[in-house]
N, C-alpha and C. Protein backbone atom coordinates (compact mmCIF):
# COMPACT_ATOMS: atom_id res chain seq x y z
N UNK A 1 -131.89 152.02 42.84
CA UNK A 1 -130.53 151.57 42.56
C UNK A 1 -129.72 152.70 41.92
N UNK A 2 -128.41 152.51 41.92
CA UNK A 2 -127.51 153.51 41.39
C UNK A 2 -126.73 152.91 40.22
N UNK A 3 -126.07 153.79 39.47
CA UNK A 3 -125.25 153.31 38.36
C UNK A 3 -124.13 152.41 38.87
N UNK A 4 -123.53 152.79 40.00
CA UNK A 4 -122.44 151.96 40.55
C UNK A 4 -122.94 150.58 40.94
N UNK A 5 -124.08 150.50 41.62
CA UNK A 5 -124.61 149.19 42.01
C UNK A 5 -125.03 148.38 40.77
N UNK A 6 -125.63 149.04 39.80
CA UNK A 6 -125.99 148.33 38.57
C UNK A 6 -124.76 147.78 37.88
N UNK A 7 -123.69 148.57 37.84
CA UNK A 7 -122.44 148.11 37.22
C UNK A 7 -121.86 146.92 37.98
N UNK A 8 -121.91 146.98 39.30
CA UNK A 8 -121.40 145.86 40.10
C UNK A 8 -122.21 144.59 39.86
N UNK A 9 -123.53 144.74 39.75
CA UNK A 9 -124.39 143.57 39.48
C UNK A 9 -124.07 142.99 38.10
N UNK A 10 -123.90 143.86 37.11
CA UNK A 10 -123.55 143.40 35.77
C UNK A 10 -122.21 142.65 35.80
N UNK A 11 -121.25 143.19 36.56
CA UNK A 11 -119.93 142.54 36.65
C UNK A 11 -120.04 141.17 37.30
N UNK A 12 -120.87 141.06 38.34
CA UNK A 12 -121.06 139.77 39.00
C UNK A 12 -121.69 138.74 38.07
N UNK A 13 -122.46 139.23 37.12
CA UNK A 13 -123.11 138.34 36.16
C UNK A 13 -122.31 138.12 34.89
N UNK A 14 -121.09 138.67 34.84
CA UNK A 14 -120.27 138.53 33.63
C UNK A 14 -119.97 137.07 33.35
N UNK A 15 -119.84 136.76 32.07
CA UNK A 15 -119.58 135.38 31.66
C UNK A 15 -118.26 134.90 32.26
N UNK A 16 -118.22 133.66 32.76
CA UNK A 16 -116.98 133.13 33.35
C UNK A 16 -115.80 133.13 32.40
N UNK A 17 -116.07 133.08 31.07
CA UNK A 17 -114.97 133.08 30.12
C UNK A 17 -114.47 134.49 29.81
N UNK A 18 -115.06 135.49 30.49
CA UNK A 18 -114.59 136.86 30.31
C UNK A 18 -114.39 137.49 31.70
N UNK A 19 -113.38 137.05 32.44
CA UNK A 19 -113.19 137.54 33.80
C UNK A 19 -112.89 139.03 33.83
N UNK A 20 -113.35 139.67 34.88
CA UNK A 20 -113.20 141.11 35.04
C UNK A 20 -112.03 141.38 35.98
N UNK A 21 -111.12 142.25 35.56
CA UNK A 21 -110.01 142.65 36.43
C UNK A 21 -110.56 143.52 37.55
N UNK A 22 -110.22 143.19 38.80
CA UNK A 22 -110.73 143.97 39.92
C UNK A 22 -110.33 145.43 39.84
N UNK A 23 -109.11 145.71 39.43
CA UNK A 23 -108.64 147.10 39.34
C UNK A 23 -109.43 147.90 38.33
N UNK A 24 -109.67 147.31 37.14
CA UNK A 24 -110.44 148.00 36.11
C UNK A 24 -111.85 148.27 36.59
N UNK A 25 -112.46 147.27 37.21
CA UNK A 25 -113.82 147.44 37.71
C UNK A 25 -113.87 148.49 38.82
N UNK A 26 -112.89 148.50 39.70
CA UNK A 26 -112.87 149.48 40.78
C UNK A 26 -112.81 150.90 40.23
N UNK A 27 -111.99 151.13 39.20
CA UNK A 27 -111.92 152.45 38.59
C UNK A 27 -113.24 152.83 37.95
N UNK A 28 -113.86 151.88 37.25
CA UNK A 28 -115.16 152.16 36.62
C UNK A 28 -116.24 152.43 37.67
N UNK A 29 -116.20 151.70 38.78
CA UNK A 29 -117.16 151.94 39.86
C UNK A 29 -116.98 153.32 40.46
N UNK A 30 -115.74 153.76 40.63
CA UNK A 30 -115.49 155.10 41.14
C UNK A 30 -116.03 156.15 40.18
N UNK A 31 -115.90 155.88 38.87
CA UNK A 31 -116.50 156.79 37.89
C UNK A 31 -118.01 156.79 37.96
N UNK A 32 -118.59 155.61 38.14
CA UNK A 32 -120.04 155.51 38.27
C UNK A 32 -120.53 156.29 39.49
N UNK A 33 -119.75 156.24 40.57
CA UNK A 33 -120.14 156.99 41.76
C UNK A 33 -120.15 158.49 41.50
N UNK A 34 -119.25 158.97 40.65
CA UNK A 34 -119.29 160.40 40.31
C UNK A 34 -120.63 160.75 39.68
N UNK A 35 -121.08 159.93 38.73
CA UNK A 35 -122.38 160.18 38.10
C UNK A 35 -123.51 160.11 39.14
N UNK A 36 -123.45 159.13 40.03
CA UNK A 36 -124.49 158.99 41.06
C UNK A 36 -124.51 160.19 42.00
N UNK A 37 -123.32 160.69 42.36
CA UNK A 37 -123.25 161.82 43.29
C UNK A 37 -123.65 163.13 42.61
N UNK A 38 -123.42 163.24 41.32
CA UNK A 38 -123.93 164.40 40.58
C UNK A 38 -125.45 164.37 40.59
N UNK A 39 -126.01 163.20 40.31
CA UNK A 39 -127.48 163.07 40.31
C UNK A 39 -128.06 163.35 41.69
N UNK A 40 -127.34 162.96 42.73
CA UNK A 40 -127.80 163.21 44.10
C UNK A 40 -127.52 164.63 44.56
N UNK A 41 -126.91 165.44 43.66
CA UNK A 41 -126.57 166.84 43.97
C UNK A 41 -125.56 166.95 45.12
N UNK A 42 -124.73 165.92 45.26
CA UNK A 42 -123.69 165.93 46.28
C UNK A 42 -122.41 166.56 45.77
N UNK A 43 -122.29 166.69 44.44
CA UNK A 43 -121.12 167.34 43.85
C UNK A 43 -121.48 167.89 42.48
N UNK A 44 -120.62 168.79 42.00
CA UNK A 44 -120.69 169.27 40.63
C UNK A 44 -119.27 169.24 40.08
N UNK A 45 -119.15 169.21 38.76
CA UNK A 45 -117.84 169.26 38.14
C UNK A 45 -117.59 170.67 37.61
N UNK A 46 -116.39 171.16 37.85
CA UNK A 46 -115.93 172.41 37.25
C UNK A 46 -114.70 172.05 36.44
N UNK A 47 -114.91 171.86 35.14
CA UNK A 47 -113.85 171.29 34.33
C UNK A 47 -113.64 169.86 34.77
N UNK A 48 -112.41 169.54 35.19
CA UNK A 48 -112.17 168.17 35.69
C UNK A 48 -112.07 168.15 37.21
N UNK A 49 -112.48 169.23 37.88
CA UNK A 49 -112.42 169.31 39.33
C UNK A 49 -113.76 168.96 39.96
N UNK A 50 -113.70 168.21 41.05
CA UNK A 50 -114.90 167.79 41.77
C UNK A 50 -115.17 168.78 42.90
N UNK A 51 -116.28 169.51 42.78
CA UNK A 51 -116.65 170.48 43.80
C UNK A 51 -117.79 169.91 44.63
N UNK A 52 -117.57 169.66 45.91
CA UNK A 52 -118.65 169.10 46.73
C UNK A 52 -119.75 170.12 46.97
N UNK A 53 -120.97 169.63 47.04
CA UNK A 53 -122.11 170.46 47.40
C UNK A 53 -122.44 170.20 48.87
N UNK A 54 -123.59 170.68 49.31
CA UNK A 54 -124.00 170.45 50.69
C UNK A 54 -124.06 168.95 50.96
N UNK A 55 -123.50 168.53 52.07
CA UNK A 55 -123.46 167.11 52.40
C UNK A 55 -124.82 166.67 52.93
N UNK A 56 -125.46 165.77 52.21
CA UNK A 56 -126.77 165.25 52.61
C UNK A 56 -126.78 163.75 52.34
N UNK A 57 -127.47 162.97 53.16
CA UNK A 57 -127.51 161.52 52.95
C UNK A 57 -128.11 161.16 51.59
N UNK A 58 -127.50 160.19 50.93
CA UNK A 58 -128.01 159.74 49.63
C UNK A 58 -128.96 158.55 49.80
N UNK A 59 -128.91 157.90 50.97
CA UNK A 59 -129.71 156.70 51.18
C UNK A 59 -128.98 155.44 50.80
N UNK A 60 -127.78 155.58 50.24
CA UNK A 60 -126.96 154.43 49.86
C UNK A 60 -125.69 154.47 50.71
N UNK A 61 -125.40 153.41 51.47
CA UNK A 61 -124.26 153.47 52.40
C UNK A 61 -122.92 153.72 51.72
N UNK A 62 -122.68 153.10 50.56
CA UNK A 62 -121.40 153.30 49.90
C UNK A 62 -121.29 154.70 49.30
N UNK A 63 -122.39 155.22 48.79
CA UNK A 63 -122.36 156.59 48.27
C UNK A 63 -122.21 157.60 49.41
N UNK A 64 -122.86 157.33 50.54
CA UNK A 64 -122.70 158.21 51.70
C UNK A 64 -121.24 158.20 52.16
N UNK A 65 -120.63 157.04 52.11
CA UNK A 65 -119.20 156.93 52.45
C UNK A 65 -118.38 157.76 51.47
N UNK A 66 -118.73 157.67 50.18
CA UNK A 66 -118.02 158.42 49.15
C UNK A 66 -118.15 159.93 49.39
N UNK A 67 -119.36 160.38 49.72
CA UNK A 67 -119.59 161.80 49.99
C UNK A 67 -118.70 162.28 51.13
N UNK A 68 -118.58 161.44 52.14
CA UNK A 68 -117.78 161.81 53.30
C UNK A 68 -116.30 161.93 53.02
N UNK A 69 -115.85 161.37 51.90
CA UNK A 69 -114.42 161.42 51.57
C UNK A 69 -114.09 162.49 50.53
N UNK A 70 -115.09 163.24 50.07
CA UNK A 70 -114.82 164.28 49.07
C UNK A 70 -113.89 165.34 49.65
N UNK A 71 -112.93 165.77 48.85
CA UNK A 71 -112.02 166.84 49.25
C UNK A 71 -112.79 168.16 49.22
N UNK A 72 -112.80 168.87 50.35
CA UNK A 72 -113.63 170.07 50.48
C UNK A 72 -112.81 171.35 50.60
N UNK A 73 -111.58 171.29 50.12
CA UNK A 73 -110.72 172.48 50.13
C UNK A 73 -110.16 172.70 48.73
N UNK A 74 -110.02 173.96 48.35
CA UNK A 74 -109.41 174.28 47.06
C UNK A 74 -107.96 173.81 47.05
N UNK A 75 -107.43 173.37 45.92
CA UNK A 75 -108.03 173.42 44.58
C UNK A 75 -108.96 172.26 44.28
N UNK A 76 -109.43 171.57 45.30
CA UNK A 76 -110.29 170.40 45.16
C UNK A 76 -109.55 169.28 44.46
N UNK A 77 -110.28 168.25 44.10
CA UNK A 77 -109.65 167.04 43.55
C UNK A 77 -110.07 166.86 42.11
N UNK A 78 -109.15 166.41 41.29
CA UNK A 78 -109.51 166.11 39.90
C UNK A 78 -110.25 164.77 39.85
N UNK A 79 -110.99 164.58 38.77
CA UNK A 79 -111.70 163.31 38.59
C UNK A 79 -110.69 162.16 38.57
N UNK A 80 -109.57 162.37 37.91
CA UNK A 80 -108.56 161.30 37.84
C UNK A 80 -108.05 160.93 39.23
N UNK A 81 -107.74 161.95 40.04
CA UNK A 81 -107.25 161.66 41.40
C UNK A 81 -108.31 160.93 42.22
N UNK A 82 -109.58 161.33 42.04
CA UNK A 82 -110.69 160.67 42.74
C UNK A 82 -110.75 159.19 42.35
N UNK A 83 -110.63 158.90 41.06
CA UNK A 83 -110.72 157.51 40.60
C UNK A 83 -109.67 156.65 41.28
N UNK A 84 -108.44 157.14 41.35
CA UNK A 84 -107.36 156.34 41.94
C UNK A 84 -107.54 156.21 43.44
N UNK A 85 -107.97 157.28 44.10
CA UNK A 85 -108.10 157.23 45.56
C UNK A 85 -109.33 156.44 45.97
N UNK A 86 -110.48 156.80 45.43
CA UNK A 86 -111.73 156.13 45.81
C UNK A 86 -111.78 154.71 45.25
N UNK A 87 -111.17 154.50 44.10
CA UNK A 87 -111.26 153.20 43.44
C UNK A 87 -110.50 152.08 44.13
N UNK A 88 -109.58 152.43 45.01
CA UNK A 88 -108.76 151.39 45.64
C UNK A 88 -109.63 150.39 46.41
N UNK A 89 -109.71 149.15 45.90
CA UNK A 89 -110.48 148.09 46.55
C UNK A 89 -111.99 148.26 46.47
N UNK A 90 -112.47 149.14 45.58
CA UNK A 90 -113.90 149.44 45.57
C UNK A 90 -114.74 148.27 45.07
N UNK A 91 -114.22 147.47 44.15
CA UNK A 91 -115.00 146.33 43.66
C UNK A 91 -115.28 145.35 44.81
N UNK A 92 -114.28 145.12 45.65
CA UNK A 92 -114.48 144.24 46.80
C UNK A 92 -115.49 144.82 47.78
N UNK A 93 -115.46 146.15 47.94
CA UNK A 93 -116.41 146.80 48.85
C UNK A 93 -117.84 146.58 48.39
N UNK A 94 -118.08 146.65 47.08
CA UNK A 94 -119.44 146.43 46.57
C UNK A 94 -119.86 144.98 46.72
N UNK A 95 -118.94 144.05 46.46
CA UNK A 95 -119.27 142.63 46.64
C UNK A 95 -119.62 142.36 48.10
N UNK A 96 -118.82 142.87 49.01
CA UNK A 96 -119.08 142.66 50.44
C UNK A 96 -120.41 143.29 50.86
N UNK A 97 -120.72 144.46 50.30
CA UNK A 97 -121.97 145.12 50.63
C UNK A 97 -123.16 144.30 50.13
N UNK A 98 -123.02 143.74 48.93
CA UNK A 98 -124.08 142.87 48.41
C UNK A 98 -124.27 141.66 49.31
N UNK A 99 -123.17 141.08 49.75
CA UNK A 99 -123.25 139.88 50.58
C UNK A 99 -123.93 140.17 51.92
N UNK A 100 -123.82 141.41 52.39
CA UNK A 100 -124.49 141.79 53.63
C UNK A 100 -125.97 142.07 53.43
N UNK A 101 -126.32 142.70 52.28
CA UNK A 101 -127.68 143.20 52.16
C UNK A 101 -128.56 142.58 51.11
N UNK A 102 -127.98 141.82 50.18
CA UNK A 102 -128.76 141.23 49.09
C UNK A 102 -128.53 139.73 49.10
N UNK A 103 -129.58 138.93 48.90
CA UNK A 103 -129.38 137.48 48.86
C UNK A 103 -128.36 137.09 47.79
N UNK A 104 -127.36 136.30 48.20
CA UNK A 104 -126.35 135.85 47.25
C UNK A 104 -126.12 134.36 47.42
N UNK A 105 -125.53 133.78 46.41
CA UNK A 105 -125.10 132.39 46.49
C UNK A 105 -123.65 132.34 46.08
N UNK A 106 -122.94 131.29 46.50
CA UNK A 106 -121.54 131.13 46.11
C UNK A 106 -121.41 129.90 45.23
N UNK A 107 -120.66 130.03 44.15
CA UNK A 107 -120.40 128.87 43.31
C UNK A 107 -118.91 128.80 43.03
N UNK A 108 -118.43 127.61 42.82
CA UNK A 108 -117.02 127.40 42.54
C UNK A 108 -116.86 127.27 41.03
N UNK A 109 -115.78 127.81 40.52
CA UNK A 109 -115.54 127.72 39.09
C UNK A 109 -114.07 127.89 38.80
N UNK A 110 -113.69 127.63 37.55
CA UNK A 110 -112.28 127.73 37.17
C UNK A 110 -111.89 129.16 36.85
N UNK A 111 -112.78 129.94 36.27
CA UNK A 111 -112.47 131.32 35.92
C UNK A 111 -113.42 132.22 36.68
N UNK A 112 -112.92 132.97 37.62
CA UNK A 112 -113.76 133.73 38.52
C UNK A 112 -113.56 135.23 38.28
N UNK A 113 -114.62 135.96 37.97
CA UNK A 113 -114.45 137.37 37.70
C UNK A 113 -113.88 138.18 38.86
N UNK A 114 -114.40 138.00 40.08
CA UNK A 114 -114.05 138.93 41.15
C UNK A 114 -113.34 138.30 42.33
N UNK A 115 -113.56 137.03 42.59
CA UNK A 115 -113.01 136.43 43.81
C UNK A 115 -112.64 134.98 43.56
N UNK A 116 -112.02 134.36 44.53
CA UNK A 116 -111.66 132.96 44.37
C UNK A 116 -112.90 132.08 44.34
N UNK A 117 -113.97 132.48 45.00
CA UNK A 117 -115.24 131.81 44.82
C UNK A 117 -116.24 132.86 44.38
N UNK A 118 -116.96 132.55 43.37
CA UNK A 118 -117.76 133.56 42.69
C UNK A 118 -119.06 133.86 43.44
N UNK A 119 -119.30 135.15 43.67
CA UNK A 119 -120.53 135.58 44.30
C UNK A 119 -121.58 135.80 43.21
N UNK A 120 -122.72 135.19 43.38
CA UNK A 120 -123.81 135.37 42.42
C UNK A 120 -125.02 135.90 43.18
N UNK A 121 -125.62 136.95 42.63
CA UNK A 121 -126.80 137.51 43.27
C UNK A 121 -128.00 136.62 43.02
N UNK A 122 -128.75 136.35 44.06
CA UNK A 122 -130.02 135.64 43.89
C UNK A 122 -131.00 136.56 43.17
N UNK A 123 -132.05 135.99 42.64
CA UNK A 123 -133.06 136.80 41.95
C UNK A 123 -133.65 137.80 42.93
N UNK A 124 -133.67 139.08 42.54
CA UNK A 124 -134.20 140.13 43.40
C UNK A 124 -134.62 141.29 42.51
N UNK A 125 -135.35 142.24 43.11
CA UNK A 125 -135.78 143.42 42.35
C UNK A 125 -134.56 144.21 41.88
N UNK A 126 -133.53 144.32 42.74
CA UNK A 126 -132.33 145.07 42.37
C UNK A 126 -131.63 144.42 41.18
N UNK A 127 -131.53 143.10 41.21
CA UNK A 127 -130.87 142.40 40.10
C UNK A 127 -131.68 142.56 38.82
N UNK A 128 -132.99 142.42 38.90
CA UNK A 128 -133.82 142.56 37.69
C UNK A 128 -133.74 143.97 37.12
N UNK A 129 -133.72 144.97 38.00
CA UNK A 129 -133.62 146.35 37.55
C UNK A 129 -132.31 146.61 36.82
N UNK A 130 -131.21 146.09 37.39
CA UNK A 130 -129.90 146.26 36.76
C UNK A 130 -129.85 145.53 35.42
N UNK A 131 -130.41 144.32 35.38
CA UNK A 131 -130.40 143.56 34.13
C UNK A 131 -131.26 144.22 33.07
N UNK A 132 -132.37 144.83 33.47
CA UNK A 132 -133.21 145.55 32.50
C UNK A 132 -132.46 146.75 31.94
N UNK A 133 -131.78 147.46 32.82
CA UNK A 133 -131.01 148.63 32.37
C UNK A 133 -129.88 148.20 31.44
N UNK A 134 -129.25 147.09 31.77
CA UNK A 134 -128.17 146.54 30.94
C UNK A 134 -128.71 146.12 29.58
N UNK A 135 -129.84 145.42 29.59
CA UNK A 135 -130.43 144.95 28.33
C UNK A 135 -130.86 146.11 27.44
N UNK A 136 -131.24 147.23 28.04
CA UNK A 136 -131.69 148.39 27.26
C UNK A 136 -130.53 149.12 26.60
N UNK A 137 -129.28 148.78 27.01
CA UNK A 137 -128.11 149.43 26.43
C UNK A 137 -127.93 150.85 26.89
N UNK A 138 -128.35 151.16 28.12
CA UNK A 138 -128.22 152.53 28.65
C UNK A 138 -126.78 152.99 28.45
N UNK A 139 -126.56 154.14 27.78
CA UNK A 139 -125.22 154.50 27.29
C UNK A 139 -124.15 154.64 28.35
N UNK A 140 -124.44 155.29 29.48
CA UNK A 140 -123.40 155.49 30.48
C UNK A 140 -123.01 154.16 31.12
N UNK A 141 -124.00 153.35 31.46
CA UNK A 141 -123.71 152.03 32.02
C UNK A 141 -122.91 151.19 31.04
N UNK A 142 -123.28 151.24 29.76
CA UNK A 142 -122.57 150.47 28.74
C UNK A 142 -121.13 150.95 28.59
N UNK A 143 -120.93 152.27 28.62
CA UNK A 143 -119.57 152.81 28.47
C UNK A 143 -118.69 152.44 29.66
N UNK A 144 -119.24 152.50 30.86
CA UNK A 144 -118.47 152.12 32.05
C UNK A 144 -118.16 150.62 32.04
N UNK A 145 -119.12 149.81 31.59
CA UNK A 145 -118.90 148.37 31.50
C UNK A 145 -117.80 148.06 30.48
N UNK A 146 -117.79 148.82 29.39
CA UNK A 146 -116.74 148.62 28.38
C UNK A 146 -115.38 148.97 28.97
N UNK A 147 -115.32 150.05 29.73
CA UNK A 147 -114.05 150.45 30.35
C UNK A 147 -113.56 149.38 31.32
N UNK A 148 -114.50 148.73 32.01
CA UNK A 148 -114.14 147.68 32.97
C UNK A 148 -113.82 146.36 32.29
N UNK A 149 -114.05 146.26 30.98
CA UNK A 149 -113.76 145.03 30.26
C UNK A 149 -114.89 144.02 30.29
N UNK A 150 -116.09 144.45 30.69
CA UNK A 150 -117.23 143.54 30.75
C UNK A 150 -117.82 143.30 29.37
N UNK A 151 -117.71 144.29 28.52
CA UNK A 151 -118.23 144.17 27.16
C UNK A 151 -117.33 144.95 26.22
N UNK A 152 -117.53 144.76 24.92
CA UNK A 152 -116.76 145.51 23.95
C UNK A 152 -117.22 146.96 23.94
N UNK A 153 -116.35 147.83 23.45
CA UNK A 153 -116.65 149.26 23.43
C UNK A 153 -117.90 149.52 22.61
N UNK A 154 -118.92 150.18 23.16
CA UNK A 154 -120.11 150.50 22.38
C UNK A 154 -119.81 151.62 21.39
N UNK A 155 -120.41 151.55 20.24
CA UNK A 155 -120.17 152.60 19.24
C UNK A 155 -121.45 153.27 18.79
N UNK A 156 -122.57 152.56 18.91
CA UNK A 156 -123.80 153.08 18.34
C UNK A 156 -124.42 154.21 19.15
N UNK A 157 -124.03 154.36 20.42
CA UNK A 157 -124.67 155.37 21.27
C UNK A 157 -123.75 156.53 21.59
N UNK A 158 -122.80 156.83 20.70
CA UNK A 158 -121.84 157.89 20.98
C UNK A 158 -122.52 159.23 21.20
N UNK A 159 -123.57 159.52 20.42
CA UNK A 159 -124.25 160.80 20.56
C UNK A 159 -124.92 160.93 21.92
N UNK A 160 -125.39 159.83 22.47
CA UNK A 160 -126.07 159.87 23.77
C UNK A 160 -125.09 160.17 24.89
N UNK A 161 -123.79 160.07 24.62
CA UNK A 161 -122.78 160.32 25.65
C UNK A 161 -122.20 161.73 25.54
N UNK A 162 -122.88 162.60 24.78
CA UNK A 162 -122.41 163.97 24.63
C UNK A 162 -122.61 164.73 25.94
N UNK A 163 -121.88 165.80 26.09
CA UNK A 163 -121.97 166.63 27.28
C UNK A 163 -120.64 166.64 27.99
N UNK A 164 -120.23 167.83 28.46
CA UNK A 164 -118.90 167.98 29.03
C UNK A 164 -118.69 167.10 30.26
N UNK A 165 -119.69 167.02 31.14
CA UNK A 165 -119.53 166.24 32.36
C UNK A 165 -119.34 164.76 32.04
N UNK A 166 -120.23 164.22 31.20
CA UNK A 166 -120.14 162.81 30.83
C UNK A 166 -118.81 162.51 30.15
N UNK A 167 -118.43 163.36 29.21
CA UNK A 167 -117.18 163.17 28.49
C UNK A 167 -115.98 163.20 29.42
N UNK A 168 -115.98 164.15 30.36
CA UNK A 168 -114.86 164.29 31.30
C UNK A 168 -114.70 163.04 32.16
N UNK A 169 -115.80 162.56 32.71
CA UNK A 169 -115.73 161.40 33.61
C UNK A 169 -115.33 160.14 32.83
N UNK A 170 -115.98 159.90 31.70
CA UNK A 170 -115.67 158.70 30.93
C UNK A 170 -114.24 158.71 30.39
N UNK A 171 -113.77 159.89 29.99
CA UNK A 171 -112.38 159.99 29.51
C UNK A 171 -111.40 159.69 30.64
N UNK A 172 -111.69 160.20 31.84
CA UNK A 172 -110.81 159.94 32.98
C UNK A 172 -110.79 158.45 33.33
N UNK A 173 -111.96 157.80 33.28
CA UNK A 173 -112.02 156.36 33.55
C UNK A 173 -111.21 155.60 32.50
N UNK A 174 -111.42 155.94 31.24
CA UNK A 174 -110.68 155.26 30.17
C UNK A 174 -109.18 155.42 30.30
N UNK A 175 -108.74 156.65 30.61
CA UNK A 175 -107.30 156.91 30.77
C UNK A 175 -106.73 156.14 31.96
N UNK A 176 -107.48 156.09 33.07
CA UNK A 176 -107.00 155.39 34.26
C UNK A 176 -106.88 153.89 34.00
N UNK A 177 -107.85 153.32 33.31
CA UNK A 177 -107.81 151.89 33.00
C UNK A 177 -106.62 151.58 32.09
N UNK A 178 -106.37 152.44 31.10
CA UNK A 178 -105.22 152.23 30.22
C UNK A 178 -103.90 152.35 30.99
N UNK A 179 -103.85 153.31 31.92
CA UNK A 179 -102.64 153.46 32.73
C UNK A 179 -102.42 152.23 33.61
N UNK A 180 -103.49 151.70 34.18
CA UNK A 180 -103.37 150.50 35.00
C UNK A 180 -102.90 149.32 34.17
N UNK A 181 -103.40 149.19 32.96
CA UNK A 181 -102.97 148.10 32.08
C UNK A 181 -101.49 148.25 31.73
N UNK A 182 -101.05 149.49 31.51
CA UNK A 182 -99.63 149.72 31.22
C UNK A 182 -98.77 149.30 32.40
N UNK A 183 -99.24 149.58 33.61
CA UNK A 183 -98.52 149.16 34.82
C UNK A 183 -98.43 147.64 34.87
N UNK A 184 -99.55 146.97 34.57
CA UNK A 184 -99.55 145.50 34.58
C UNK A 184 -98.54 144.94 33.57
N UNK A 185 -98.52 145.54 32.38
CA UNK A 185 -97.62 145.05 31.34
C UNK A 185 -96.16 145.25 31.74
N UNK A 186 -95.86 146.43 32.33
CA UNK A 186 -94.48 146.68 32.77
C UNK A 186 -94.08 145.67 33.84
N UNK A 187 -95.00 145.39 34.77
CA UNK A 187 -94.69 144.44 35.83
C UNK A 187 -94.46 143.04 35.25
N UNK A 188 -95.29 142.66 34.26
CA UNK A 188 -95.13 141.34 33.64
C UNK A 188 -93.77 141.24 32.95
N UNK A 189 -93.35 142.31 32.28
CA UNK A 189 -92.06 142.31 31.60
C UNK A 189 -90.93 142.22 32.62
N UNK A 190 -91.06 143.01 33.70
CA UNK A 190 -90.03 142.98 34.75
C UNK A 190 -89.95 141.61 35.41
N UNK A 191 -91.10 141.01 35.67
CA UNK A 191 -91.12 139.68 36.29
C UNK A 191 -90.48 138.64 35.37
N UNK A 192 -90.81 138.75 34.06
CA UNK A 192 -90.23 137.81 33.10
C UNK A 192 -88.72 137.97 33.02
N UNK A 193 -88.25 139.22 33.03
CA UNK A 193 -86.81 139.48 32.97
C UNK A 193 -86.12 138.92 34.23
N UNK A 194 -86.76 139.11 35.37
CA UNK A 194 -86.22 138.60 36.64
C UNK A 194 -86.11 137.08 36.59
N UNK A 195 -87.17 136.43 36.07
CA UNK A 195 -87.15 134.96 35.97
C UNK A 195 -86.03 134.49 35.05
N UNK A 196 -85.80 135.24 33.95
CA UNK A 196 -84.75 134.86 33.01
C UNK A 196 -83.39 134.98 33.65
N UNK A 197 -83.20 136.01 34.49
CA UNK A 197 -81.92 136.18 35.18
C UNK A 197 -81.66 134.99 36.10
N UNK A 198 -82.70 134.58 36.85
CA UNK A 198 -82.53 133.45 37.77
C UNK A 198 -82.26 132.15 37.01
N UNK A 199 -82.91 132.00 35.86
CA UNK A 199 -82.67 130.77 35.07
C UNK A 199 -81.25 130.74 34.54
N UNK A 200 -80.63 131.92 34.42
CA UNK A 200 -79.26 131.98 33.90
C UNK A 200 -78.21 131.59 34.91
N UNK A 201 -78.59 131.50 36.20
CA UNK A 201 -77.63 131.12 37.24
C UNK A 201 -77.61 129.62 37.46
């Protein structure tokens, strides 16, 4: 399994009273893919720039898709630009991939994290592995989950998140999520103002 898949599994298992915003999760998943592709030696970071390495199959269809979309010309792509481009609709892509390849069940509920009907993974080795990693408090997974709004910001493992690469990716994810929230707030204010204008007529 990969960090991105583990994060998606954790999100699918999130408590119904703490729904996950698809946009936030998509950005966090794109960040997780950066870590997975570094581990697969498909890319390296030079500052905040993503430099692709030799293209080789990772064995994961979504990661292979991600590798195929890496910008391979200078000045290359920043981590932030990657998050916005790759992250578009990525949470739905992971849910759909799970539904194709991993046993799932559908349940109806009032508060749904990812879809109008909630996808739940059946018991499987992949789900158990992700849950074990989650229970262990693995720092990168925990930090990405916090950015996606699945859990509160972890504080006890700050030292484990040291290193320029980790810091660069997590900072970019955090900034992108905050920017997305600012966009949501502006839209809510604009919508409210529009409604008030119509009520005045």
